[in-house]
Amino acid sequence: MNLQSLNSPRYASCIQACSACAIACEVCASECLKEEDVKMMATCIKLDRDCADMCRLAEALMARDSALVDEICRLCAVACQACAEECSKHHHEHCQQCAQACQRCVEECESISMAA
């Protein structure tokens, strides 16, 4: 991993937001699977998993200072926004925390993709 990229002011905040979002999404998906009506949580779980994967990919591409950072951050913001919107519909604490982490990640990823 390129530690210089991790320390880069351009990416550091976004990498942290992506990491926190991926963790929040994994926690949310796991907790959703424990809910009484799991079927009602299916969309939330799917979006949690998609979002976590996108965040991890964005982290990796930023860490290696890939030429694809702008595009992956744009797509990551889309995935995070969809997840935030779905999670915010549910009143479970894990969903609300996930929605907040996703929204922060949207803002960070958009700041990277718009800076291009």
N, C-alpha and C. Protein backbone atom coordinates (compact mmCIF):
# COMPACT_ATOMS: atom_id res chain seq x y z
N MET A 1 0.85 -1.18 0.00
CA MET A 1 0.00 0.00 0.00
C MET A 1 0.89 1.24 0.00
N ASN A 2 0.54 2.20 -0.79
CA ASN A 2 1.31 3.43 -0.90
C ASN A 2 0.92 4.35 0.25
N LEU A 3 1.80 4.41 1.26
CA LEU A 3 1.49 5.22 2.44
C LEU A 3 1.45 6.70 2.11
N GLN A 4 2.18 7.11 1.08
CA GLN A 4 2.14 8.51 0.68
C GLN A 4 0.73 8.89 0.24
N SER A 5 0.05 8.01 -0.51
CA SER A 5 -1.33 8.29 -0.93
C SER A 5 -2.27 8.35 0.27
N LEU A 6 -2.01 7.47 1.27
CA LEU A 6 -2.86 7.49 2.46
C LEU A 6 -2.69 8.79 3.23
N ASN A 7 -1.50 9.35 3.17
CA ASN A 7 -1.25 10.60 3.87
C ASN A 7 -1.59 11.82 3.01
N SER A 8 -1.93 11.59 1.76
CA SER A 8 -2.27 12.69 0.86
C SER A 8 -3.53 13.38 1.35
N PRO A 9 -3.46 14.69 1.48
CA PRO A 9 -4.67 15.42 1.92
C PRO A 9 -5.84 15.20 0.96
N ARG A 10 -5.54 14.93 -0.30
CA ARG A 10 -6.61 14.74 -1.28
C ARG A 10 -7.43 13.49 -0.99
N TYR A 11 -6.78 12.42 -0.55
CA TYR A 11 -7.49 11.15 -0.37
C TYR A 11 -7.73 10.72 1.07
N ALA A 12 -6.97 11.22 2.02
CA ALA A 12 -7.03 10.71 3.40
C ALA A 12 -8.44 10.71 3.98
N SER A 13 -9.13 11.80 3.85
CA SER A 13 -10.48 11.92 4.42
C SER A 13 -11.46 10.98 3.72
N CYS A 14 -11.32 10.84 2.42
CA CYS A 14 -12.22 9.97 1.66
C CYS A 14 -11.94 8.50 1.98
N ILE A 15 -10.67 8.14 2.11
CA ILE A 15 -10.32 6.77 2.48
C ILE A 15 -10.92 6.43 3.84
N GLN A 16 -10.82 7.35 4.78
CA GLN A 16 -11.39 7.13 6.12
C GLN A 16 -12.91 6.98 6.05
N ALA A 17 -13.55 7.82 5.25
CA ALA A 17 -15.01 7.74 5.11
C ALA A 17 -15.43 6.43 4.46
N CYS A 18 -14.69 6.00 3.45
CA CYS A 18 -14.99 4.72 2.78
C CYS A 18 -14.82 3.54 3.74
N SER A 19 -13.76 3.59 4.53
CA SER A 19 -13.52 2.51 5.49
C SER A 19 -14.63 2.45 6.53
N ALA A 20 -15.00 3.60 7.09
CA ALA A 20 -16.07 3.65 8.09
C ALA A 20 -17.39 3.20 7.48
N CYS A 21 -17.64 3.59 6.24
CA CYS A 21 -18.88 3.22 5.57
C CYS A 21 -18.94 1.71 5.32
N ALA A 22 -17.83 1.14 4.84
CA ALA A 22 -17.80 -0.31 4.60
C ALA A 22 -18.09 -1.09 5.88
N ILE A 23 -17.50 -0.65 6.97
CA ILE A 23 -17.73 -1.32 8.26
C ILE A 23 -19.18 -1.15 8.69
N ALA A 24 -19.71 0.06 8.58
CA ALA A 24 -21.11 0.30 8.98
C ALA A 24 -22.06 -0.55 8.14
N CYS A 25 -21.76 -0.68 6.84
CA CYS A 25 -22.61 -1.50 5.96
C CYS A 25 -22.54 -2.98 6.33
N GLU A 26 -21.36 -3.47 6.67
CA GLU A 26 -21.23 -4.87 7.08
C GLU A 26 -21.99 -5.13 8.38
N VAL A 27 -21.87 -4.21 9.32
CA VAL A 27 -22.60 -4.34 10.59
C VAL A 27 -24.10 -4.31 10.33
N CYS A 28 -24.54 -3.37 9.51
CA CYS A 28 -25.96 -3.23 9.21
C CYS A 28 -26.50 -4.50 8.56
N ALA A 29 -25.80 -5.01 7.56
CA ALA A 29 -26.25 -6.23 6.88
C ALA A 29 -26.36 -7.40 7.87
N SER A 30 -25.36 -7.53 8.72
CA SER A 30 -25.37 -8.62 9.72
C SER A 30 -26.53 -8.47 10.69
N GLU A 31 -26.76 -7.24 11.14
CA GLU A 31 -27.85 -6.99 12.07
C GLU A 31 -29.21 -7.15 11.40
N CYS A 32 -29.31 -6.76 10.13
CA CYS A 32 -30.57 -6.93 9.39
C CYS A 32 -30.95 -8.40 9.30
N LEU A 33 -29.94 -9.25 9.16
CA LEU A 33 -30.19 -10.69 9.08
C LEU A 33 -30.74 -11.25 10.39
N LYS A 34 -30.59 -10.52 11.47
CA LYS A 34 -31.09 -10.95 12.78
C LYS A 34 -32.49 -10.40 13.07
N GLU A 35 -32.97 -9.50 12.21
CA GLU A 35 -34.29 -8.91 12.44
C GLU A 35 -35.38 -9.95 12.24
N GLU A 36 -36.52 -9.71 12.90
CA GLU A 36 -37.63 -10.66 12.85
C GLU A 36 -38.13 -10.87 11.43
N ASP A 37 -38.29 -9.80 10.68
CA ASP A 37 -38.78 -9.88 9.30
C ASP A 37 -37.61 -9.63 8.33
N VAL A 38 -36.79 -10.65 8.15
CA VAL A 38 -35.60 -10.53 7.31
C VAL A 38 -35.97 -10.20 5.87
N LYS A 39 -37.09 -10.76 5.41
CA LYS A 39 -37.52 -10.51 4.03
C LYS A 39 -37.75 -9.02 3.78
N MET A 40 -38.28 -8.32 4.77
CA MET A 40 -38.50 -6.89 4.65
C MET A 40 -37.17 -6.14 4.54
N MET A 41 -36.10 -6.73 5.03
CA MET A 41 -34.79 -6.09 5.05
C MET A 41 -33.92 -6.48 3.85
N ALA A 42 -34.46 -7.26 2.93
CA ALA A 42 -33.67 -7.80 1.81
C ALA A 42 -32.99 -6.72 0.98
N THR A 43 -33.72 -5.67 0.64
CA THR A 43 -33.14 -4.60 -0.17
C THR A 43 -32.03 -3.89 0.60
N CYS A 44 -32.25 -3.68 1.87
CA CYS A 44 -31.26 -3.04 2.73
C CYS A 44 -29.98 -3.88 2.75
N ILE A 45 -30.12 -5.17 2.94
CA ILE A 45 -28.97 -6.07 3.00
C ILE A 45 -28.21 -6.06 1.68
N LYS A 46 -28.93 -6.14 0.57
CA LYS A 46 -28.28 -6.13 -0.75
C LYS A 46 -27.50 -4.83 -0.97
N LEU A 47 -28.14 -3.70 -0.66
CA LEU A 47 -27.46 -2.42 -0.84
C LEU A 47 -26.28 -2.25 0.12
N ASP A 48 -26.43 -2.76 1.35
CA ASP A 48 -25.31 -2.75 2.30
C ASP A 48 -24.10 -3.47 1.71
N ARG A 49 -24.34 -4.63 1.15
CA ARG A 49 -23.24 -5.43 0.59
C ARG A 49 -22.61 -4.76 -0.62
N ASP A 50 -23.45 -4.22 -1.52
CA ASP A 50 -22.93 -3.51 -2.69
C ASP A 50 -22.10 -2.30 -2.26
N CYS A 51 -22.62 -1.56 -1.33
CA CYS A 51 -21.96 -0.35 -0.86
C CYS A 51 -20.62 -0.69 -0.20
N ALA A 52 -20.61 -1.69 0.65
CA ALA A 52 -19.36 -2.09 1.32
C ALA A 52 -18.30 -2.49 0.29
N ASP A 53 -18.70 -3.25 -0.71
CA ASP A 53 -17.75 -3.66 -1.76
C ASP A 53 -17.23 -2.46 -2.55
N MET A 54 -18.11 -1.53 -2.88
CA MET A 54 -17.69 -0.34 -3.63
C MET A 54 -16.74 0.51 -2.79
N CYS A 55 -17.04 0.65 -1.52
CA CYS A 55 -16.16 1.43 -0.63
C CYS A 55 -14.77 0.81 -0.54
N ARG A 56 -14.71 -0.50 -0.42
CA ARG A 56 -13.41 -1.18 -0.34
C ARG A 56 -12.62 -1.00 -1.63
N LEU A 57 -13.30 -1.09 -2.76
CA LEU A 57 -12.63 -0.89 -4.04
C LEU A 57 -12.14 0.54 -4.17
N ALA A 58 -12.96 1.50 -3.78
CA ALA A 58 -12.55 2.91 -3.84
C ALA A 58 -11.34 3.14 -2.94
N GLU A 59 -11.35 2.57 -1.73
CA GLU A 59 -10.20 2.69 -0.83
C GLU A 59 -8.92 2.19 -1.50
N ALA A 60 -9.01 1.01 -2.10
CA ALA A 60 -7.84 0.40 -2.72
C ALA A 60 -7.31 1.24 -3.87
N LEU A 61 -8.21 1.75 -4.71
CA LEU A 61 -7.78 2.55 -5.85
C LEU A 61 -7.20 3.89 -5.41
N MET A 62 -7.74 4.47 -4.36
CA MET A 62 -7.15 5.70 -3.84
C MET A 62 -5.78 5.43 -3.24
N ALA A 63 -5.66 4.31 -2.51
CA ALA A 63 -4.39 3.97 -1.88
C ALA A 63 -3.28 3.78 -2.90
N ARG A 64 -3.63 3.27 -4.09
CA ARG A 64 -2.61 3.06 -5.13
C ARG A 64 -2.56 4.21 -6.12
N ASP A 65 -3.33 5.26 -5.85
CA ASP A 65 -3.36 6.45 -6.70
C ASP A 65 -3.67 6.08 -8.15
N SER A 66 -4.68 5.26 -8.32
CA SER A 66 -5.10 4.77 -9.63
C SER A 66 -5.64 5.91 -10.50
N ALA A 67 -5.47 5.75 -11.79
CA ALA A 67 -6.04 6.70 -12.75
C ALA A 67 -7.57 6.61 -12.76
N LEU A 68 -8.14 5.58 -12.15
CA LEU A 68 -9.59 5.37 -12.12
C LEU A 68 -10.26 5.94 -10.87
N VAL A 69 -9.51 6.63 -10.04
CA VAL A 69 -10.06 7.13 -8.77
C VAL A 69 -11.30 7.99 -8.98
N ASP A 70 -11.25 8.92 -9.90
CA ASP A 70 -12.39 9.81 -10.10
C ASP A 70 -13.64 9.03 -10.46
N GLU A 71 -13.52 8.08 -11.38
CA GLU A 71 -14.67 7.30 -11.81
C GLU A 71 -15.19 6.39 -10.70
N ILE A 72 -14.28 5.74 -9.97
CA ILE A 72 -14.73 4.83 -8.92
C ILE A 72 -15.36 5.61 -7.77
N CYS A 73 -14.85 6.79 -7.48
CA CYS A 73 -15.45 7.61 -6.42
C CYS A 73 -16.84 8.08 -6.84
N ARG A 74 -17.01 8.39 -8.11
CA ARG A 74 -18.33 8.79 -8.61
C ARG A 74 -19.32 7.63 -8.43
N LEU A 75 -18.91 6.43 -8.81
CA LEU A 75 -19.76 5.26 -8.69
C LEU A 75 -19.99 4.87 -7.22
N CYS A 76 -18.96 5.03 -6.42
CA CYS A 76 -19.10 4.74 -4.99
C CYS A 76 -20.13 5.68 -4.36
N ALA A 77 -20.12 6.93 -4.76
CA ALA A 77 -21.11 7.89 -4.25
C ALA A 77 -22.53 7.46 -4.61
N VAL A 78 -22.70 6.93 -5.81
CA VAL A 78 -24.02 6.45 -6.24
C VAL A 78 -24.47 5.28 -5.36
N ALA A 79 -23.57 4.33 -5.13
CA ALA A 79 -23.90 3.17 -4.30
C ALA A 79 -24.20 3.59 -2.86
N CYS A 80 -23.39 4.51 -2.34
CA CYS A 80 -23.60 4.98 -0.97
C CYS A 80 -24.91 5.75 -0.83
N GLN A 81 -25.25 6.53 -1.83
CA GLN A 81 -26.51 7.29 -1.78
C GLN A 81 -27.71 6.34 -1.76
N ALA A 82 -27.66 5.33 -2.61
CA ALA A 82 -28.76 4.35 -2.64
C ALA A 82 -28.89 3.64 -1.29
N CYS A 83 -27.76 3.28 -0.71
CA CYS A 83 -27.76 2.59 0.58
C CYS A 83 -28.27 3.53 1.68
N ALA A 84 -27.82 4.77 1.66
CA ALA A 84 -28.26 5.75 2.67
C ALA A 84 -29.78 5.95 2.60
N GLU A 85 -30.30 6.05 1.40
CA GLU A 85 -31.75 6.25 1.24
C GLU A 85 -32.53 5.05 1.76
N GLU A 86 -32.06 3.85 1.46
CA GLU A 86 -32.76 2.65 1.94
C GLU A 86 -32.66 2.52 3.45
N CYS A 87 -31.45 2.67 3.98
CA CYS A 87 -31.27 2.52 5.43
C CYS A 87 -32.06 3.55 6.21
N SER A 88 -32.17 4.76 5.67
CA SER A 88 -32.89 5.81 6.40
C SER A 88 -34.39 5.51 6.51
N LYS A 89 -34.89 4.58 5.72
CA LYS A 89 -36.31 4.19 5.80
C LYS A 89 -36.59 3.31 7.01
N HIS A 90 -35.55 2.71 7.57
CA HIS A 90 -35.71 1.77 8.69
C HIS A 90 -35.32 2.45 10.00
N HIS A 91 -36.03 2.14 11.05
CA HIS A 91 -35.80 2.80 12.33
C HIS A 91 -34.81 2.08 13.23
N HIS A 92 -34.27 0.97 12.75
CA HIS A 92 -33.28 0.26 13.55
C HIS A 92 -32.04 1.13 13.70
N GLU A 93 -31.42 1.09 14.87
CA GLU A 93 -30.23 1.91 15.14
C GLU A 93 -29.11 1.60 14.14
N HIS A 94 -28.91 0.32 13.82
CA HIS A 94 -27.85 -0.03 12.88
C HIS A 94 -28.11 0.56 11.50
N CYS A 95 -29.36 0.64 11.08
CA CYS A 95 -29.69 1.24 9.79
C CYS A 95 -29.45 2.75 9.81
N GLN A 96 -29.83 3.39 10.90
CA GLN A 96 -29.63 4.83 11.01
C GLN A 96 -28.14 5.19 11.03
N GLN A 97 -27.34 4.40 11.74
CA GLN A 97 -25.90 4.64 11.77
C GLN A 97 -25.28 4.40 10.40
N CYS A 98 -25.76 3.39 9.71
CA CYS A 98 -25.27 3.09 8.38
C CYS A 98 -25.62 4.23 7.42
N ALA A 99 -26.84 4.72 7.50
CA ALA A 99 -27.27 5.83 6.63
C ALA A 99 -26.37 7.05 6.83
N GLN A 100 -26.01 7.33 8.07
CA GLN A 100 -25.13 8.46 8.36
C GLN A 100 -23.73 8.24 7.77
N ALA A 101 -23.19 7.04 7.94
CA ALA A 101 -21.86 6.73 7.40
C ALA A 101 -21.88 6.80 5.88
N CYS A 102 -22.95 6.32 5.28
CA CYS A 102 -23.09 6.36 3.82
C CYS A 102 -23.16 7.80 3.32
N GLN A 103 -23.92 8.63 4.02
CA GLN A 103 -24.07 10.02 3.59
C GLN A 103 -22.73 10.75 3.67
N ARG A 104 -21.97 10.48 4.71
CA ARG A 104 -20.64 11.10 4.82
C ARG A 104 -19.75 10.63 3.67
N CYS A 105 -19.84 9.36 3.33
CA CYS A 105 -19.04 8.81 2.24
C CYS A 105 -19.45 9.43 0.90
N VAL A 106 -20.74 9.64 0.71
CA VAL A 106 -21.22 10.30 -0.52
C VAL A 106 -20.53 11.66 -0.65
N GLU A 107 -20.55 12.42 0.42
CA GLU A 107 -19.95 13.76 0.39
C GLU A 107 -18.46 13.70 0.08
N GLU A 108 -17.75 12.78 0.71
CA GLU A 108 -16.31 12.66 0.49
C GLU A 108 -16.00 12.19 -0.94
N CYS A 109 -16.74 11.19 -1.39
CA CYS A 109 -16.49 10.68 -2.75
C CYS A 109 -16.83 11.72 -3.81
N GLU A 110 -17.90 12.47 -3.59
CA GLU A 110 -18.26 13.51 -4.55
C GLU A 110 -17.19 14.60 -4.58
N SER A 111 -16.57 14.89 -3.43
CA SER A 111 -15.53 15.92 -3.42
C SER A 111 -14.31 15.47 -4.23
N ILE A 112 -14.05 14.16 -4.26
CA ILE A 112 -12.93 13.63 -5.05
C ILE A 112 -13.31 13.65 -6.53
N SER A 113 -14.47 13.14 -6.86
CA SER A 113 -14.85 13.03 -8.28
C SER A 113 -15.09 14.40 -8.91
N MET A 114 -15.54 15.37 -8.13
CA MET A 114 -15.78 16.70 -8.68
C MET A 114 -14.50 17.51 -8.81
N ALA A 115 -13.48 17.10 -8.06
CA ALA A 115 -12.20 17.83 -8.13
C ALA A 115 -11.43 17.51 -9.40
N ALA A 116 -11.87 16.46 -10.09
CA ALA A 116 -11.15 16.02 -11.30
C ALA A 116 -11.23 17.05 -12.42
